[in-house]
Structure formats: C-alpha cells, structure tokens
PDB file of all heavy atoms in Angstrom:
ATOM      1  N   TYR A   1      38.469  -2.886  58.946  1.00  0.00           N
ATOM      2  CA  TYR A   1      38.468  -2.857  60.400  1.00  0.00           C
ATOM      3  C   TYR A   1      39.840  -3.128  61.007  1.00  0.00           C
ATOM      4  O   TYR A   1      40.033  -3.264  62.174  1.00  0.00           O
ATOM      5  CB  TYR A   1      37.502  -4.073  60.832  1.00  0.00           C
ATOM      6  CG  TYR A   1      36.075  -3.894  60.548  1.00  0.00           C
ATOM      7  CD1 TYR A   1      35.454  -4.471  59.534  1.00  0.00           C
ATOM      8  CD2 TYR A   1      35.387  -2.811  61.211  1.00  0.00           C
ATOM      9  CE1 TYR A   1      34.192  -4.072  59.197  1.00  0.00           C
ATOM     10  CE2 TYR A   1      34.085  -2.546  60.943  1.00  0.00           C
ATOM     11  CZ  TYR A   1      33.458  -3.127  59.846  1.00  0.00           C
ATOM     12  OH  TYR A   1      32.128  -2.967  59.607  1.00  0.00           O
ATOM     13  N   ASN A   2      40.877  -3.248  60.134  1.00  0.00           N
ATOM     14  CA  ASN A   2      42.298  -3.399  60.563  1.00  0.00           C
ATOM     15  C   ASN A   2      42.396  -4.495  61.495  1.00  0.00           C
ATOM     16  O   ASN A   2      42.981  -4.407  62.516  1.00  0.00           O
ATOM     17  CB  ASN A   2      42.708  -2.021  61.208  1.00  0.00           C
ATOM     18  CG  ASN A   2      44.208  -1.948  61.375  1.00  0.00           C
ATOM     19  OD1 ASN A   2      44.913  -2.568  60.555  1.00  0.00           O
ATOM     20  ND2 ASN A   2      44.683  -1.254  62.324  1.00  0.00           N
ATOM     21  N   VAL A   3      41.947  -5.721  61.017  1.00  0.00           N
ATOM     22  CA  VAL A   3      42.121  -6.934  61.769  1.00  0.00           C
ATOM     23  C   VAL A   3      42.698  -7.953  60.827  1.00  0.00           C
ATOM     24  O   VAL A   3      42.724  -7.821  59.630  1.00  0.00           O
ATOM     25  CB  VAL A   3      40.758  -7.465  62.338  1.00  0.00           C
ATOM     26  CG1 VAL A   3      40.241  -6.476  63.423  1.00  0.00           C
ATOM     27  CG2 VAL A   3      39.792  -7.555  61.249  1.00  0.00           C
ATOM     28  N   SER A   4      43.165  -9.108  61.435  1.00  0.00           N
ATOM     29  CA  SER A   4      43.743 -10.210  60.580  1.00  0.00           C
ATOM     30  C   SER A   4      42.576 -11.033  60.007  1.00  0.00           C
ATOM     31  O   SER A   4      41.407 -10.921  60.444  1.00  0.00           O
ATOM     32  CB  SER A   4      44.664 -11.057  61.452  1.00  0.00           C
ATOM     33  OG  SER A   4      43.855 -11.838  62.394  1.00  0.00           O
ATOM     34  N   TRP A   5      43.064 -11.894  59.047  1.00  0.00           N
ATOM     35  CA  TRP A   5      42.068 -12.744  58.357  1.00  0.00           C
ATOM     36  C   TRP A   5      41.353 -13.659  59.385  1.00  0.00           C
ATOM     37  O   TRP A   5      40.243 -14.185  59.288  1.00  0.00           O
ATOM     38  CB  TRP A   5      42.720 -13.450  57.231  1.00  0.00           C
ATOM     39  CG  TRP A   5      43.712 -14.368  57.603  1.00  0.00           C
ATOM     40  CD1 TRP A   5      45.107 -14.199  57.652  1.00  0.00           C
ATOM     41  CD2 TRP A   5      43.599 -15.817  57.891  1.00  0.00           C
ATOM     42  NE1 TRP A   5      45.766 -15.280  58.020  1.00  0.00           N
ATOM     43  CE2 TRP A   5      44.929 -16.337  58.142  1.00  0.00           C
ATOM     44  CE3 TRP A   5      42.530 -16.656  58.000  1.00  0.00           C
ATOM     45  CZ2 TRP A   5      45.188 -17.638  58.597  1.00  0.00           C
ATOM     46  CZ3 TRP A   5      42.783 -18.041  58.348  1.00  0.00           C
ATOM     47  CH2 TRP A   5      44.015 -18.444  58.593  1.00  0.00           C
ATOM     48  N   ARG A   6      42.159 -14.112  60.418  1.00  0.00           N
ATOM     49  CA  ARG A   6      41.598 -14.986  61.409  1.00  0.00           C
ATOM     50  C   ARG A   6      40.478 -14.392  62.176  1.00  0.00           C
ATOM     51  O   ARG A   6      39.434 -15.110  62.428  1.00  0.00           O
ATOM     52  CB  ARG A   6      42.728 -15.309  62.413  1.00  0.00           C
ATOM     53  CG  ARG A   6      43.848 -16.359  61.829  1.00  0.00           C
ATOM     54  CD  ARG A   6      44.741 -16.771  62.944  1.00  0.00           C
ATOM     55  NE  ARG A   6      45.699 -17.728  62.415  1.00  0.00           N
ATOM     56  CZ  ARG A   6      46.818 -17.442  61.851  1.00  0.00           C
ATOM     57  NH1 ARG A   6      47.227 -16.131  61.736  1.00  0.00           N
ATOM     58  NH2 ARG A   6      47.699 -18.319  61.486  1.00  0.00           N
ATOM     59  N   THR A   7      40.581 -13.181  62.569  1.00  0.00           N
ATOM     60  CA  THR A   7      39.570 -12.486  63.250  1.00  0.00           C
ATOM     61  C   THR A   7      38.372 -12.403  62.336  1.00  0.00           C
ATOM     62  O   THR A   7      37.156 -12.532  62.869  1.00  0.00           O
ATOM     63  CB  THR A   7      39.963 -10.961  63.628  1.00  0.00           C
ATOM     64  OG1 THR A   7      41.208 -11.189  64.431  1.00  0.00           O
ATOM     65  CG2 THR A   7      38.919 -10.348  64.455  1.00  0.00           C
ATOM     66  N   VAL A   8      38.531 -12.054  60.994  1.00  0.00           N
ATOM     67  CA  VAL A   8      37.341 -11.911  60.181  1.00  0.00           C
ATOM     68  C   VAL A   8      36.679 -13.263  60.079  1.00  0.00           C
ATOM     69  O   VAL A   8      35.477 -13.417  60.102  1.00  0.00           O
ATOM     70  CB  VAL A   8      37.771 -11.429  58.790  1.00  0.00           C
ATOM     71  CG1 VAL A   8      36.653 -11.542  57.808  1.00  0.00           C
ATOM     72  CG2 VAL A   8      38.274 -10.051  58.862  1.00  0.00           C
ATOM     73  N   ARG A   9      37.471 -14.373  59.980  1.00  0.00           N
ATOM     74  CA  ARG A   9      36.835 -15.686  59.829  1.00  0.00           C
ATOM     75  C   ARG A   9      36.102 -16.074  61.099  1.00  0.00           C
ATOM     76  O   ARG A   9      35.060 -16.639  61.059  1.00  0.00           O
ATOM     77  CB  ARG A   9      38.108 -16.750  59.603  1.00  0.00           C
ATOM     78  CG  ARG A   9      37.661 -18.222  59.626  1.00  0.00           C
ATOM     79  CD  ARG A   9      36.598 -18.628  58.660  1.00  0.00           C
ATOM     80  NE  ARG A   9      36.935 -18.245  57.263  1.00  0.00           N
ATOM     81  CZ  ARG A   9      35.993 -18.161  56.350  1.00  0.00           C
ATOM     82  NH1 ARG A   9      34.719 -18.461  56.615  1.00  0.00           N
ATOM     83  NH2 ARG A   9      36.299 -17.821  55.125  1.00  0.00           N
ATOM     84  N   LYS A  10      36.655 -15.825  62.310  1.00  0.00           N
ATOM     85  CA  LYS A  10      35.958 -16.083  63.530  1.00  0.00           C
ATOM     86  C   LYS A  10      34.754 -15.271  63.639  1.00  0.00           C
ATOM     87  O   LYS A  10      33.647 -15.820  64.122  1.00  0.00           O
ATOM     88  CB  LYS A  10      36.962 -15.782  64.691  1.00  0.00           C
ATOM     89  CG  LYS A  10      37.981 -16.704  64.879  1.00  0.00           C
ATOM     90  CD  LYS A  10      38.849 -16.283  66.130  1.00  0.00           C
ATOM     91  CE  LYS A  10      40.075 -17.116  66.295  1.00  0.00           C
ATOM     92  NZ  LYS A  10      40.924 -16.658  67.415  1.00  0.00           N
ATOM     93  N   ALA A  11      34.662 -14.009  63.164  1.00  0.00           N
ATOM     94  CA  ALA A  11      33.516 -13.243  63.266  1.00  0.00           C
ATOM     95  C   ALA A  11      32.378 -13.787  62.313  1.00  0.00           C
ATOM     96  O   ALA A  11      31.251 -13.800  62.649  1.00  0.00           O
ATOM     97  CB  ALA A  11      33.850 -11.814  62.876  1.00  0.00           C
ATOM     98  N   VAL A  12      32.800 -14.244  61.210  1.00  0.00           N
ATOM     99  CA  VAL A  12      31.750 -14.673  60.115  1.00  0.00           C
ATOM    100  C   VAL A  12      31.306 -16.083  60.737  1.00  0.00           C
ATOM    101  O   VAL A  12      30.133 -16.343  60.557  1.00  0.00           O
ATOM    102  CB  VAL A  12      32.483 -14.834  58.834  1.00  0.00           C
ATOM    103  CG1 VAL A  12      31.517 -15.590  57.827  1.00  0.00           C
ATOM    104  CG2 VAL A  12      32.799 -13.427  58.263  1.00  0.00           C
ATOM    105  N   ASP A  13      32.133 -16.879  61.282  1.00  0.00           N
ATOM    106  CA  ASP A  13      31.737 -18.141  61.669  1.00  0.00           C
ATOM    107  C   ASP A  13      30.917 -18.224  62.992  1.00  0.00           C
ATOM    108  O   ASP A  13      30.006 -19.116  63.244  1.00  0.00           O
ATOM    109  CB  ASP A  13      32.893 -19.132  61.878  1.00  0.00           C
ATOM    110  CG  ASP A  13      33.595 -19.504  60.608  1.00  0.00           C
ATOM    111  OD1 ASP A  13      32.959 -19.214  59.439  1.00  0.00           O
ATOM    112  OD2 ASP A  13      34.726 -19.958  60.594  1.00  0.00           O
ATOM    113  N   SER A  14      31.158 -17.258  63.899  1.00  0.00           N
ATOM    114  CA  SER A  14      30.486 -17.268  65.210  1.00  0.00           C
ATOM    115  C   SER A  14      29.871 -15.993  65.537  1.00  0.00           C
ATOM    116  O   SER A  14      30.469 -14.928  65.263  1.00  0.00           O
ATOM    117  CB  SER A  14      31.520 -17.732  66.265  1.00  0.00           C
ATOM    118  OG  SER A  14      30.975 -17.560  67.589  1.00  0.00           O
ATOM    119  N   ALA A  15      28.766 -15.960  66.316  1.00  0.00           N
ATOM    120  CA  ALA A  15      28.108 -14.650  66.506  1.00  0.00           C
ATOM    121  C   ALA A  15      28.821 -14.072  67.818  1.00  0.00           C
ATOM    122  O   ALA A  15      28.818 -12.864  67.982  1.00  0.00           O
ATOM    123  CB  ALA A  15      26.646 -14.918  66.956  1.00  0.00           C
ATOM    124  N   TRP A  16      29.416 -14.870  68.686  1.00  0.00           N
ATOM    125  CA  TRP A  16      30.062 -14.357  69.865  1.00  0.00           C
ATOM    126  C   TRP A  16      31.542 -14.612  69.823  1.00  0.00           C
ATOM    127  O   TRP A  16      31.929 -15.674  69.444  1.00  0.00           O
ATOM    128  CB  TRP A  16      29.430 -15.026  71.196  1.00  0.00           C
ATOM    129  CG  TRP A  16      28.036 -14.642  71.281  1.00  0.00           C
ATOM    130  CD1 TRP A  16      27.016 -15.476  70.954  1.00  0.00           C
ATOM    131  CD2 TRP A  16      27.530 -13.534  71.840  1.00  0.00           C
ATOM    132  NE1 TRP A  16      25.797 -14.785  71.267  1.00  0.00           N
ATOM    133  CE2 TRP A  16      26.145 -13.590  71.818  1.00  0.00           C
ATOM    134  CE3 TRP A  16      28.088 -12.278  72.366  1.00  0.00           C
ATOM    135  CZ2 TRP A  16      25.327 -12.578  72.260  1.00  0.00           C
ATOM    136  CZ3 TRP A  16      27.292 -11.282  72.794  1.00  0.00           C
ATOM    137  CH2 TRP A  16      25.849 -11.452  72.836  1.00  0.00           C
ATOM    138  N   PRO A  17      32.335 -13.707  70.261  1.00  0.00           N
ATOM    139  CA  PRO A  17      33.836 -13.912  70.393  1.00  0.00           C
ATOM    140  C   PRO A  17      34.105 -14.987  71.519  1.00  0.00           C
ATOM    141  O   PRO A  17      33.275 -15.228  72.356  1.00  0.00           O
ATOM    142  CB  PRO A  17      34.441 -12.598  70.784  1.00  0.00           C
ATOM    143  CG  PRO A  17      33.264 -11.710  71.195  1.00  0.00           C
ATOM    144  CD  PRO A  17      32.022 -12.389  70.634  1.00  0.00           C
ATOM    145  N   GLU A  18      35.307 -15.606  71.437  1.00  0.00           N
ATOM    146  CA  GLU A  18      35.616 -16.639  72.446  1.00  0.00           C
ATOM    147  C   GLU A  18      35.817 -15.882  73.747  1.00  0.00           C
ATOM    148  O   GLU A  18      36.269 -14.801  73.766  1.00  0.00           O
ATOM    149  CB  GLU A  18      36.974 -17.188  72.014  1.00  0.00           C
ATOM    150  CG  GLU A  18      36.937 -18.049  70.752  1.00  0.00           C
ATOM    151  CD  GLU A  18      38.309 -18.562  70.298  1.00  0.00           C
ATOM    152  OE1 GLU A  18      39.312 -18.258  70.975  1.00  0.00           O
ATOM    153  OE2 GLU A  18      38.400 -19.198  69.318  1.00  0.00           O
ATOM    154  N   PRO A  19      35.505 -16.553  74.861  1.00  0.00           N
ATOM    155  CA  PRO A  19      35.662 -15.950  76.092  1.00  0.00           C
ATOM    156  C   PRO A  19      37.249 -15.824  76.499  1.00  0.00           C
ATOM    157  O   PRO A  19      37.977 -16.565  76.014  1.00  0.00           O
ATOM    158  CB  PRO A  19      35.057 -16.913  77.233  1.00  0.00           C
ATOM    159  CG  PRO A  19      34.956 -18.130  76.452  1.00  0.00           C
ATOM    160  CD  PRO A  19      34.849 -17.836  74.980  1.00  0.00           C
ATOM    161  N   ARG A  20      37.554 -14.785  77.275  1.00  0.00           N
ATOM    162  CA  ARG A  20      38.942 -14.599  77.637  1.00  0.00           C
ATOM    163  C   ARG A  20      39.485 -15.792  78.382  1.00  0.00           C
ATOM    164  O   ARG A  20      38.701 -16.366  79.220  1.00  0.00           O
ATOM    165  CB  ARG A  20      39.096 -13.305  78.497  1.00  0.00           C
ATOM    166  CG  ARG A  20      38.934 -12.076  77.630  1.00  0.00           C
ATOM    167  CD  ARG A  20      39.164 -10.908  78.509  1.00  0.00           C
ATOM    168  NE  ARG A  20      39.377  -9.798  77.637  1.00  0.00           N
ATOM    169  CZ  ARG A  20      40.217  -8.853  77.903  1.00  0.00           C
ATOM    170  NH1 ARG A  20      41.016  -8.864  79.011  1.00  0.00           N
ATOM    171  NH2 ARG A  20      40.399  -7.814  77.048  1.00  0.00           N
ATOM    172  N   LYS A  21      40.718 -16.091  78.311  1.00  0.00           N
ATOM    173  CA  LYS A  21      41.322 -17.153  79.076  1.00  0.00           C
ATOM    174  C   LYS A  21      41.631 -16.588  80.420  1.00  0.00           C
ATOM    175  O   LYS A  21      42.102 -15.467  80.574  1.00  0.00           O
ATOM    176  CB  LYS A  21      42.644 -17.522  78.425  1.00  0.00           C
ATOM    177  CG  LYS A  21      42.473 -18.265  77.140  1.00  0.00           C
ATOM    178  CD  LYS A  21      43.856 -18.534  76.487  1.00  0.00           C
ATOM    179  CE  LYS A  21      43.702 -19.025  75.060  1.00  0.00           C
ATOM    180  NZ  LYS A  21      45.071 -19.179  74.427  1.00  0.00           N
ATOM    181  N   ASN A  22      41.477 -17.334  81.471  1.00  0.00           N
ATOM    182  CA  ASN A  22      41.891 -17.070  82.778  1.00  0.00           C
ATOM    183  C   ASN A  22      43.378 -17.439  82.989  1.00  0.00           C
ATOM    184  O   ASN A  22      43.726 -18.717  82.930  1.00  0.00           O
ATOM    185  CB  ASN A  22      40.959 -17.692  83.811  1.00  0.00           C
ATOM    186  CG  ASN A  22      39.575 -17.240  83.909  1.00  0.00           C
ATOM    187  OD1 ASN A  22      39.401 -16.017  83.513  1.00  0.00           O
ATOM    188  ND2 ASN A  22      38.642 -17.926  84.272  1.00  0.00           N
ATOM    189  N   LEU A  23      44.238 -16.515  83.148  1.00  0.00           N
ATOM    190  CA  LEU A  23      45.586 -16.793  83.306  1.00  0.00           C
ATOM    191  C   LEU A  23      45.934 -17.080  84.775  1.00  0.00           C
ATOM    192  O   LEU A  23      45.269 -16.529  85.685  1.00  0.00           O
ATOM    193  CB  LEU A  23      46.386 -15.627  82.865  1.00  0.00           C
ATOM    194  CG  LEU A  23      46.338 -15.194  81.415  1.00  0.00           C
ATOM    195  CD1 LEU A  23      47.041 -13.880  81.076  1.00  0.00           C
ATOM    196  CD2 LEU A  23      46.799 -16.320  80.529  1.00  0.00           C
ATOM    197  N   PRO A  24      46.932 -17.882  85.055  1.00  0.00           N
ATOM    198  CA  PRO A  24      47.339 -18.160  86.369  1.00  0.00           C
ATOM    199  C   PRO A  24      47.840 -16.928  87.011  1.00  0.00           C
ATOM    200  O   PRO A  24      48.480 -16.069  86.340  1.00  0.00           O
ATOM    201  CB  PRO A  24      48.285 -19.296  86.323  1.00  0.00           C
ATOM    202  CG  PRO A  24      48.816 -19.242  84.930  1.00  0.00           C
ATOM    203  CD  PRO A  24      47.808 -18.692  84.029  1.00  0.00           C
ATOM    204  N   PRO A  25      47.749 -16.683  88.375  1.00  0.00           N
ATOM    205  CA  PRO A  25      48.326 -15.537  88.968  1.00  0.00           C
ATOM    206  C   PRO A  25      49.828 -15.625  88.866  1.00  0.00           C
ATOM    207  O   PRO A  25      50.450 -16.622  88.960  1.00  0.00           O
ATOM    208  CB  PRO A  25      47.921 -15.648  90.427  1.00  0.00           C
ATOM    209  CG  PRO A  25      47.397 -17.024  90.606  1.00  0.00           C
ATOM    210  CD  PRO A  25      47.083 -17.552  89.265  1.00  0.00           C
ATOM    211  N   ARG A  26      50.324 -14.353  88.660  1.00  0.00           N
ATOM    212  CA  ARG A  26      51.864 -14.252  88.491  1.00  0.00           C
ATOM    213  C   ARG A  26      52.508 -14.156  89.830  1.00  0.00           C
ATOM    214  O   ARG A  26      51.907 -13.513  90.819  1.00  0.00           O
ATOM    215  CB  ARG A  26      52.088 -13.054  87.684  1.00  0.00           C
ATOM    216  CG  ARG A  26      51.889 -13.259  86.209  1.00  0.00           C
ATOM    217  CD  ARG A  26      52.557 -12.203  85.423  1.00  0.00           C
ATOM    218  NE  ARG A  26      51.559 -11.260  84.869  1.00  0.00           N
ATOM    219  CZ  ARG A  26      51.713 -10.150  84.346  1.00  0.00           C
ATOM    220  NH1 ARG A  26      52.926  -9.605  84.345  1.00  0.00           N
ATOM    221  NH2 ARG A  26      50.782  -9.374  83.902  1.00  0.00           N
TER     222      ARG A  26
END
C-alpha cells in the first residue's frame, strides 16, 4: 500500500482513521 509502518499499525489497531485536525485560520 506504499505507506509507513505507523499507518499500518494505526490501521490494524483501529477501525477508523483519526479525525483531521482543525488548523487555525492563516
């Protein structure tokens, strides 16, 4: 899947990806 080991670990551990962070307006 051309992803890092962290992404694979997160996918195996959790059914849903983390929600996106809301960045402050620039």
